[in-house]
Every structure is written in C-alpha cells, then in structure tokens.
Amino acid sequence: MKNKDVVFLCGDYPENHVTPQIGNDPNFVFINDPLFDQVRLFDSDGNTVLVNSFIECEHYVNGTWDYFPGKNEIIYLGWINSFLFFSLFSVIFLNFIIKRRRPKVEN
C-alpha cells in the first residue's frame, strides 16, 4: 500500500532505485535532485513540507506525510457521480419499458 502512495505523490520509482536506511538519523542530509520536480506533501494535521528529491519524498510519505487535501472530497464526488449516472440510466430505461408496453392507439 505504501508503494502506491509513494508513486501517487512522488512519481514513479527511478530505475535502479535503492532506498537508503535513514531511520531517525538527525545527521542525514537529503541532496537536491535537479531532475525532480519539487513536491508539496501534507500530513493529517494540514502541515506542509516541500521535498526536492525522490528519496526525500519517499522518506516523508513513508513517515505519514501521505495525506493530500481533497482526498475525501474526491471519494464523495465519485459516489455522487455514480448515483447520478445510475439514476439517469434507470429513468431512461424505465421510460423505454413503459413506452413499449403502452398499447398503440389507432385513429
């Protein structure tokens, strides 16, 4: 599950990527990667951090900075869209069935 979050928030894993053992090392320094587009990450409290390399991004995402604003709204809107689609489909389908069953009146 975490790998999905890393790919979603940080992008695809680089070729031959090896995740370093950072742990809680306060002396570890993340090196900026000029080929990596800066990413803003959020935690569940709404705090933000900007990361400048894939390794840094992966480290933060695995450390619970995997929240993104709008996640709940996207899920909610997906349910609403599904409900509206099936409601419209049902109305059209029922209308079609009713028209077929109605006897034709000839003048």
C-alpha atoms as a PDB file:
ATOM      1  CA  MET A   1       0.000   0.000   0.000  1.00  0.00           C
ATOM      2  CA  LYS A   2       2.785   2.435   0.854  1.00  0.00           C
ATOM      3  CA  ASN A   3       4.416   1.930  -2.569  1.00  0.00           C
ATOM      4  CA  LYS A   4       1.149   3.048  -4.196  1.00  0.00           C
ATOM      5  CA  ASP A   5       1.179   6.198  -2.063  1.00  0.00           C
ATOM      6  CA  VAL A   6       4.807   6.907  -2.967  1.00  0.00           C
ATOM      7  CA  VAL A   7       4.115   6.502  -6.690  1.00  0.00           C
ATOM      8  CA  PHE A   8       0.952   8.628  -6.461  1.00  0.00           C
ATOM      9  CA  LEU A   9       2.580  11.501  -4.558  1.00  0.00           C
ATOM     10  CA  CYS A  10       6.229  11.342  -5.688  1.00  0.00           C
ATOM     11  CA  GLY A  11       6.048   9.781  -9.138  1.00  0.00           C
ATOM     12  CA  ASP A  12       7.411   6.502 -10.463  1.00  0.00           C
ATOM     13  CA  TYR A  13      10.416   4.933  -8.794  1.00  0.00           C
ATOM     14  CA  PRO A  14      13.651   5.778 -10.648  1.00  0.00           C
ATOM     15  CA  GLU A  15      15.489   2.926 -12.345  1.00  0.00           C
ATOM     16  CA  ASN A  16      17.853   1.021 -10.051  1.00  0.00           C
ATOM     17  CA  HIS A  17      16.451   2.852  -7.010  1.00  0.00           C
ATOM     18  CA  VAL A  18      17.761   1.702  -3.648  1.00  0.00           C
ATOM     19  CA  THR A  19      16.071   3.119  -0.575  1.00  0.00           C
ATOM     20  CA  PRO A  20      18.723   4.249   1.922  1.00  0.00           C
ATOM     21  CA  GLN A  21      18.396   3.336   5.604  1.00  0.00           C
ATOM     22  CA  ILE A  22      17.696   6.784   7.044  1.00  0.00           C
ATOM     23  CA  GLY A  23      15.692   5.883  10.140  1.00  0.00           C
ATOM     24  CA  ASN A  24      15.779   8.779  12.605  1.00  0.00           C
ATOM     25  CA  ASP A  25      19.327   9.844  11.775  1.00  0.00           C
ATOM     26  CA  PRO A  26      19.433  13.607  12.520  1.00  0.00           C
ATOM     27  CA  ASN A  27      22.680  13.948  10.535  1.00  0.00           C
ATOM     28  CA  PHE A  28      21.265  12.590   7.273  1.00  0.00           C
ATOM     29  CA  VAL A  29      21.243  15.253   4.561  1.00  0.00           C
ATOM     30  CA  PHE A  30      18.930  14.969   1.583  1.00  0.00           C
ATOM     31  CA  ILE A  31      20.610  16.036  -1.655  1.00  0.00           C
ATOM     32  CA  ASN A  32      18.527  18.122  -4.063  1.00  0.00           C
ATOM     33  CA  ASP A  33      17.842  16.425  -7.382  1.00  0.00           C
ATOM     34  CA  PRO A  34      17.586  18.984 -10.223  1.00  0.00           C
ATOM     35  CA  LEU A  35      15.660  16.437 -12.337  1.00  0.00           C
ATOM     36  CA  PHE A  36      12.991  16.015  -9.636  1.00  0.00           C
ATOM     37  CA  ASP A  37      10.064  18.442  -9.645  1.00  0.00           C
ATOM     38  CA  GLN A  38       9.525  19.849  -6.170  1.00  0.00           C
ATOM     39  CA  VAL A  39       6.561  18.251  -4.382  1.00  0.00           C
ATOM     40  CA  ARG A  40       4.492  19.636  -1.509  1.00  0.00           C
ATOM     41  CA  LEU A  41       3.422  16.971   0.972  1.00  0.00           C
ATOM     42  CA  PHE A  42       0.808  17.235   3.721  1.00  0.00           C
ATOM     43  CA  ASP A  43       0.250  15.421   6.979  1.00  0.00           C
ATOM     44  CA  SER A  44      -3.166  14.766   8.503  1.00  0.00           C
ATOM     45  CA  ASP A  45      -2.925  17.978  10.594  1.00  0.00           C
ATOM     46  CA  GLY A  46      -2.509  20.120   7.485  1.00  0.00           C
ATOM     47  CA  ASN A  47       1.219  20.802   7.944  1.00  0.00           C
ATOM     48  CA  THR A  48       3.218  21.007   4.727  1.00  0.00           C
ATOM     49  CA  VAL A  49       6.741  20.206   3.630  1.00  0.00           C
ATOM     50  CA  LEU A  50       8.463  20.747   0.279  1.00  0.00           C
ATOM     51  CA  VAL A  51      10.704  17.936  -0.917  1.00  0.00           C
ATOM     52  CA  ASN A  52      13.369  18.205  -3.591  1.00  0.00           C
ATOM     53  CA  SER A  53      14.350  14.613  -4.353  1.00  0.00           C
ATOM     54  CA  PHE A  54      12.666  11.266  -4.779  1.00  0.00           C
ATOM     55  CA  ILE A  55      14.483   9.804  -1.770  1.00  0.00           C
ATOM     56  CA  GLU A  56      13.295  12.681   0.416  1.00  0.00           C
ATOM     57  CA  CYS A  57       9.755  12.379  -0.916  1.00  0.00           C
ATOM     58  CA  GLU A  58       9.698   8.619  -0.332  1.00  0.00           C
ATOM     59  CA  HIS A  59      11.033   9.094   3.208  1.00  0.00           C
ATOM     60  CA  TYR A  60       8.343  11.636   4.111  1.00  0.00           C
ATOM     61  CA  VAL A  61       5.496   9.664   2.503  1.00  0.00           C
ATOM     62  CA  ASN A  62       6.547   6.538   4.406  1.00  0.00           C
ATOM     63  CA  GLY A  63       6.650   8.695   7.536  1.00  0.00           C
ATOM     64  CA  THR A  64       2.909   9.555   7.367  1.00  0.00           C
ATOM     65  CA  TRP A  65       3.143  12.654   5.160  1.00  0.00           C
ATOM     66  CA  ASP A  66       0.797  10.836   2.792  1.00  0.00           C
ATOM     67  CA  TYR A  67      -2.304  12.975   3.136  1.00  0.00           C
ATOM     68  CA  PHE A  68      -3.470  15.164   0.287  1.00  0.00           C
ATOM     69  CA  PRO A  69      -6.174  17.823   0.507  1.00  0.00           C
ATOM     70  CA  GLY A  70      -9.335  16.924  -1.304  1.00  0.00           C
ATOM     71  CA  LYS A  71      -8.945  13.160  -0.910  1.00  0.00           C
ATOM     72  CA  ASN A  72     -12.253  12.800   0.921  1.00  0.00           C
ATOM     73  CA  GLU A  73     -13.971  15.185  -1.482  1.00  0.00           C
ATOM     74  CA  ILE A  74     -12.810  13.140  -4.474  1.00  0.00           C
ATOM     75  CA  ILE A  75     -14.258   9.965  -2.953  1.00  0.00           C
ATOM     76  CA  TYR A  76     -17.509  11.761  -2.081  1.00  0.00           C
ATOM     77  CA  LEU A  77     -17.849  13.216  -5.593  1.00  0.00           C
ATOM     78  CA  GLY A  78     -17.221   9.784  -7.077  1.00  0.00           C
ATOM     79  CA  TRP A  79     -20.171   8.385  -5.120  1.00  0.00           C
ATOM     80  CA  ILE A  80     -22.382  11.293  -6.171  1.00  0.00           C
ATOM     81  CA  ASN A  81     -21.442  10.835  -9.835  1.00  0.00           C
ATOM     82  CA  SER A  82     -22.179   7.110  -9.638  1.00  0.00           C
ATOM     83  CA  PHE A  83     -25.560   7.753  -8.017  1.00  0.00           C
ATOM     84  CA  LEU A  84     -26.494  10.352 -10.637  1.00  0.00           C
ATOM     85  CA  PHE A  85     -25.416   8.109 -13.512  1.00  0.00           C
ATOM     86  CA  PHE A  86     -27.411   5.106 -12.297  1.00  0.00           C
ATOM     87  CA  SER A  87     -30.435   7.290 -11.510  1.00  0.00           C
ATOM     88  CA  LEU A  88     -30.432   8.776 -15.007  1.00  0.00           C
ATOM     89  CA  PHE A  89     -29.886   5.344 -16.567  1.00  0.00           C
ATOM     90  CA  SER A  90     -32.799   3.929 -14.537  1.00  0.00           C
ATOM     91  CA  VAL A  91     -35.149   6.730 -15.585  1.00  0.00           C
ATOM     92  CA  ILE A  92     -34.258   6.316 -19.267  1.00  0.00           C
ATOM     93  CA  PHE A  93     -34.581   2.528 -19.047  1.00  0.00           C
ATOM     94  CA  LEU A  94     -37.942   2.671 -17.260  1.00  0.00           C
ATOM     95  CA  ASN A  95     -39.224   5.256 -19.741  1.00  0.00           C
ATOM     96  CA  PHE A  96     -38.250   2.933 -22.599  1.00  0.00           C
ATOM     97  CA  ILE A  97     -40.004  -0.057 -20.982  1.00  0.00           C
ATOM     98  CA  ILE A  98     -43.172   1.956 -20.297  1.00  0.00           C
ATOM     99  CA  LYS A  99     -43.337   3.183 -23.907  1.00  0.00           C
ATOM    100  CA  ARG A 100     -43.004  -0.379 -25.247  1.00  0.00           C
ATOM    101  CA  ARG A 101     -45.799  -1.706 -23.038  1.00  0.00           C
ATOM    102  CA  ARG A 102     -48.241   1.096 -23.771  1.00  0.00           C
ATOM    103  CA  PRO A 103     -50.779  -0.015 -26.388  1.00  0.00           C
ATOM    104  CA  LYS A 104     -50.773   1.929 -29.626  1.00  0.00           C
ATOM    105  CA  VAL A 105     -53.909   3.935 -30.326  1.00  0.00           C
ATOM    106  CA  GLU A 106     -55.038   3.955 -33.940  1.00  0.00           C
ATOM    107  CA  ASN A 107     -57.341   6.677 -35.278  1.00  0.00           C
END
